Amino acid sequence: MTKQSDDDMSAFDTEKLENDKMLVMREFGQKLRRNVGKIPFADDVTASFYCAVDGKSPAFVKAILFGALAYFIMPADVIPDFIAGLGFTDDASVLIAAMTMVNRHITDEHRNKADAFLEKETADSDA
């Protein structure tokens, strides 16, 4: 039995990965900025973003995280984001599942970048 490498994309739809990546790169920052005070998992979603865009992250990690982040961005999902108190619960569930699958690849560096970004956004919104 041969072991697949971390960069083997044969199990993933590469077109979907590219579409998810384009969506995330285009809209993630705006979605996060609009909702930074509304979502309790902002640090996790931001660390996931930094892991997904990290050139050192394996391809399967990028595929999983870009898929979960694209779900976070999409306005039409199982529970619409505008429903107070519930809107982000499905997004959180998807992200937690994705992060659990790739947790060892989300490093302290990704978390530190997320903390710095969120501190800046919080300071800018308080100003």
C-alpha atoms as a PDB file:
ATOM      1  CA  MET A   1       0.000   0.000   0.000  1.00  0.00           C
ATOM      2  CA  THR A   2       1.468   3.372  -0.997  1.00  0.00           C
ATOM      3  CA  LYS A   3       1.212   6.371   1.261  1.00  0.00           C
ATOM      4  CA  GLN A   4      -0.200   9.535  -0.281  1.00  0.00           C
ATOM      5  CA  SER A   5       1.801  12.712   0.131  1.00  0.00           C
ATOM      6  CA  ASP A   6       0.373  15.769   1.863  1.00  0.00           C
ATOM      7  CA  ASP A   7       0.282  17.521  -1.522  1.00  0.00           C
ATOM      8  CA  ASP A   8      -1.734  14.802  -3.287  1.00  0.00           C
ATOM      9  CA  MET A   9      -4.927  16.461  -4.507  1.00  0.00           C
ATOM     10  CA  SER A  10      -6.399  13.372  -6.190  1.00  0.00           C
ATOM     11  CA  ALA A  11      -9.155  13.121  -3.549  1.00  0.00           C
ATOM     12  CA  PHE A  12     -10.199  16.759  -4.000  1.00  0.00           C
ATOM     13  CA  ASP A  13     -12.029  18.669  -6.688  1.00  0.00           C
ATOM     14  CA  THR A  14      -9.302  21.100  -7.734  1.00  0.00           C
ATOM     15  CA  GLU A  15     -11.767  23.375  -9.546  1.00  0.00           C
ATOM     16  CA  LYS A  16     -13.841  23.708  -6.357  1.00  0.00           C
ATOM     17  CA  LEU A  17     -10.671  24.385  -4.379  1.00  0.00           C
ATOM     18  CA  GLU A  18      -9.725  27.194  -6.764  1.00  0.00           C
ATOM     19  CA  ASN A  19     -13.236  28.665  -6.650  1.00  0.00           C
ATOM     20  CA  ASP A  20     -13.288  28.497  -2.839  1.00  0.00           C
ATOM     21  CA  LYS A  21      -9.840  30.066  -2.674  1.00  0.00           C
ATOM     22  CA  MET A  22     -10.827  32.941  -5.002  1.00  0.00           C
ATOM     23  CA  LEU A  23     -13.979  33.606  -2.971  1.00  0.00           C
ATOM     24  CA  VAL A  24     -12.082  33.565   0.322  1.00  0.00           C
ATOM     25  CA  MET A  25      -9.288  35.791  -0.956  1.00  0.00           C
ATOM     26  CA  ARG A  26     -11.802  38.277  -2.359  1.00  0.00           C
ATOM     27  CA  GLU A  27     -14.326  38.429   0.496  1.00  0.00           C
ATOM     28  CA  PHE A  28     -12.924  37.033   3.745  1.00  0.00           C
ATOM     29  CA  GLY A  29     -11.564  40.321   5.083  1.00  0.00           C
ATOM     30  CA  GLN A  30     -14.821  42.179   4.473  1.00  0.00           C
ATOM     31  CA  LYS A  31     -16.986  39.447   6.033  1.00  0.00           C
ATOM     32  CA  LEU A  32     -14.758  39.268   9.091  1.00  0.00           C
ATOM     33  CA  ARG A  33     -14.589  43.050   9.528  1.00  0.00           C
ATOM     34  CA  ARG A  34     -18.396  43.349   9.322  1.00  0.00           C
ATOM     35  CA  ASN A  35     -18.877  40.637  11.938  1.00  0.00           C
ATOM     36  CA  VAL A  36     -15.804  40.763  14.165  1.00  0.00           C
ATOM     37  CA  GLY A  37     -17.770  41.715  17.288  1.00  0.00           C
ATOM     38  CA  LYS A  38     -20.616  39.316  16.523  1.00  0.00           C
ATOM     39  CA  ILE A  39     -18.793  36.012  16.255  1.00  0.00           C
ATOM     40  CA  PRO A  40     -17.142  34.420  19.272  1.00  0.00           C
ATOM     41  CA  PHE A  41     -14.893  32.276  17.076  1.00  0.00           C
ATOM     42  CA  ALA A  42     -13.215  35.161  15.210  1.00  0.00           C
ATOM     43  CA  ASP A  43      -9.776  34.094  16.431  1.00  0.00           C
ATOM     44  CA  ASP A  44     -10.237  30.542  15.132  1.00  0.00           C
ATOM     45  CA  VAL A  45     -11.622  31.588  11.753  1.00  0.00           C
ATOM     46  CA  THR A  46      -8.788  34.098  11.305  1.00  0.00           C
ATOM     47  CA  ALA A  47      -6.108  31.567  12.300  1.00  0.00           C
ATOM     48  CA  SER A  48      -7.700  29.142   9.818  1.00  0.00           C
ATOM     49  CA  PHE A  49      -7.423  31.779   7.100  1.00  0.00           C
ATOM     50  CA  TYR A  50      -3.728  32.331   7.826  1.00  0.00           C
ATOM     51  CA  CYS A  51      -3.139  28.570   7.759  1.00  0.00           C
ATOM     52  CA  ALA A  52      -4.995  28.222   4.443  1.00  0.00           C
ATOM     53  CA  VAL A  53      -2.905  30.918   2.751  1.00  0.00           C
ATOM     54  CA  ASP A  54       0.388  29.703   4.229  1.00  0.00           C
ATOM     55  CA  GLY A  55       2.607  28.305   1.481  1.00  0.00           C
ATOM     56  CA  LYS A  56       3.916  25.709   3.950  1.00  0.00           C
ATOM     57  CA  SER A  57       0.457  24.224   4.586  1.00  0.00           C
ATOM     58  CA  PRO A  58      -0.186  20.933   2.759  1.00  0.00           C
ATOM     59  CA  ALA A  59      -2.657  20.946  -0.117  1.00  0.00           C
ATOM     60  CA  PHE A  60      -5.258  18.863   1.723  1.00  0.00           C
ATOM     61  CA  VAL A  61      -5.218  21.352   4.609  1.00  0.00           C
ATOM     62  CA  LYS A  62      -5.794  24.218   2.189  1.00  0.00           C
ATOM     63  CA  ALA A  63      -8.661  22.341   0.512  1.00  0.00           C
ATOM     64  CA  ILE A  64     -10.403  21.665   3.829  1.00  0.00           C
ATOM     65  CA  LEU A  65      -9.905  25.163   5.214  1.00  0.00           C
ATOM     66  CA  PHE A  66     -10.778  27.041   2.017  1.00  0.00           C
ATOM     67  CA  GLY A  67     -13.984  24.980   1.818  1.00  0.00           C
ATOM     68  CA  ALA A  68     -14.929  25.821   5.419  1.00  0.00           C
ATOM     69  CA  LEU A  69     -13.989  29.490   5.002  1.00  0.00           C
ATOM     70  CA  ALA A  70     -16.039  29.705   1.792  1.00  0.00           C
ATOM     71  CA  TYR A  71     -19.025  28.351   3.735  1.00  0.00           C
ATOM     72  CA  PHE A  72     -18.442  31.050   6.368  1.00  0.00           C
ATOM     73  CA  ILE A  73     -18.505  33.711   3.642  1.00  0.00           C
ATOM     74  CA  MET A  74     -21.557  32.475   1.741  1.00  0.00           C
ATOM     75  CA  PRO A  75     -24.658  34.460   2.741  1.00  0.00           C
ATOM     76  CA  ALA A  76     -27.041  31.588   1.976  1.00  0.00           C
ATOM     77  CA  ASP A  77     -26.346  28.689   4.282  1.00  0.00           C
ATOM     78  CA  VAL A  78     -28.300  26.387   6.593  1.00  0.00           C
ATOM     79  CA  ILE A  79     -28.934  29.109   9.178  1.00  0.00           C
ATOM     80  CA  PRO A  80     -28.782  32.620   7.646  1.00  0.00           C
ATOM     81  CA  ASP A  81     -26.156  34.794   9.335  1.00  0.00           C
ATOM     82  CA  PHE A  82     -28.562  37.654  10.028  1.00  0.00           C
ATOM     83  CA  ILE A  83     -30.595  35.624  12.567  1.00  0.00           C
ATOM     84  CA  ALA A  84     -29.486  37.054  15.913  1.00  0.00           C
ATOM     85  CA  GLY A  85     -27.963  34.510  18.260  1.00  0.00           C
ATOM     86  CA  LEU A  86     -28.150  31.618  15.809  1.00  0.00           C
ATOM     87  CA  GLY A  87     -26.853  32.920  12.508  1.00  0.00           C
ATOM     88  CA  PHE A  88     -23.267  31.802  12.891  1.00  0.00           C
ATOM     89  CA  THR A  89     -23.846  28.462  14.657  1.00  0.00           C
ATOM     90  CA  ASP A  90     -23.731  26.463  11.429  1.00  0.00           C
ATOM     91  CA  ASP A  91     -20.626  28.382  10.307  1.00  0.00           C
ATOM     92  CA  ALA A  92     -18.982  27.618  13.662  1.00  0.00           C
ATOM     93  CA  SER A  93     -19.858  23.923  13.336  1.00  0.00           C
ATOM     94  CA  VAL A  94     -18.332  23.680   9.867  1.00  0.00           C
ATOM     95  CA  LEU A  95     -15.203  25.559  10.945  1.00  0.00           C
ATOM     96  CA  ILE A  96     -14.768  23.499  14.118  1.00  0.00           C
ATOM     97  CA  ALA A  97     -15.042  20.278  12.119  1.00  0.00           C
ATOM     98  CA  ALA A  98     -12.490  21.536   9.579  1.00  0.00           C
ATOM     99  CA  MET A  99     -10.121  22.796  12.264  1.00  0.00           C
ATOM    100  CA  THR A 100     -10.351  19.499  14.142  1.00  0.00           C
ATOM    101  CA  MET A 101      -9.300  17.670  10.967  1.00  0.00           C
ATOM    102  CA  VAL A 102      -6.252  19.890  10.398  1.00  0.00           C
ATOM    103  CA  ASN A 103      -5.533  21.170  13.905  1.00  0.00           C
ATOM    104  CA  ARG A 104      -1.872  20.169  13.961  1.00  0.00           C
ATOM    105  CA  HIS A 105      -1.269  22.391  10.921  1.00  0.00           C
ATOM    106  CA  ILE A 106      -2.704  25.539  12.533  1.00  0.00           C
ATOM    107  CA  THR A 107       0.428  26.838  14.203  1.00  0.00           C
ATOM    108  CA  ASP A 108       1.245  29.431  16.826  1.00  0.00           C
ATOM    109  CA  GLU A 109       2.410  31.650  13.956  1.00  0.00           C
ATOM    110  CA  HIS A 110      -1.084  31.507  12.402  1.00  0.00           C
ATOM    111  CA  ARG A 111      -2.704  32.227  15.770  1.00  0.00           C
ATOM    112  CA  ASN A 112      -0.330  35.142  16.450  1.00  0.00           C
ATOM    113  CA  LYS A 113      -1.119  36.678  13.052  1.00  0.00           C
ATOM    114  CA  ALA A 114      -4.837  36.245  13.780  1.00  0.00           C
ATOM    115  CA  ASP A 115      -4.471  37.924  17.193  1.00  0.00           C
ATOM    116  CA  ALA A 116      -2.580  40.855  15.654  1.00  0.00           C
ATOM    117  CA  PHE A 117      -5.182  41.292  12.917  1.00  0.00           C
ATOM    118  CA  LEU A 118      -8.095  41.157  15.359  1.00  0.00           C
ATOM    119  CA  GLU A 119      -6.425  43.569  17.783  1.00  0.00           C
ATOM    120  CA  LYS A 120      -5.978  46.050  14.934  1.00  0.00           C
ATOM    121  CA  GLU A 121      -9.580  45.628  13.756  1.00  0.00           C
ATOM    122  CA  THR A 122     -10.913  46.061  17.288  1.00  0.00           C
ATOM    123  CA  ALA A 123      -8.782  49.174  17.823  1.00  0.00           C
ATOM    124  CA  ASP A 124      -9.912  50.625  14.457  1.00  0.00           C
ATOM    125  CA  SER A 125     -13.591  50.011  15.239  1.00  0.00           C
ATOM    126  CA  ASP A 126     -13.246  51.623  18.692  1.00  0.00           C
ATOM    127  CA  ALA A 127     -11.660  54.745  17.211  1.00  0.00           C
END
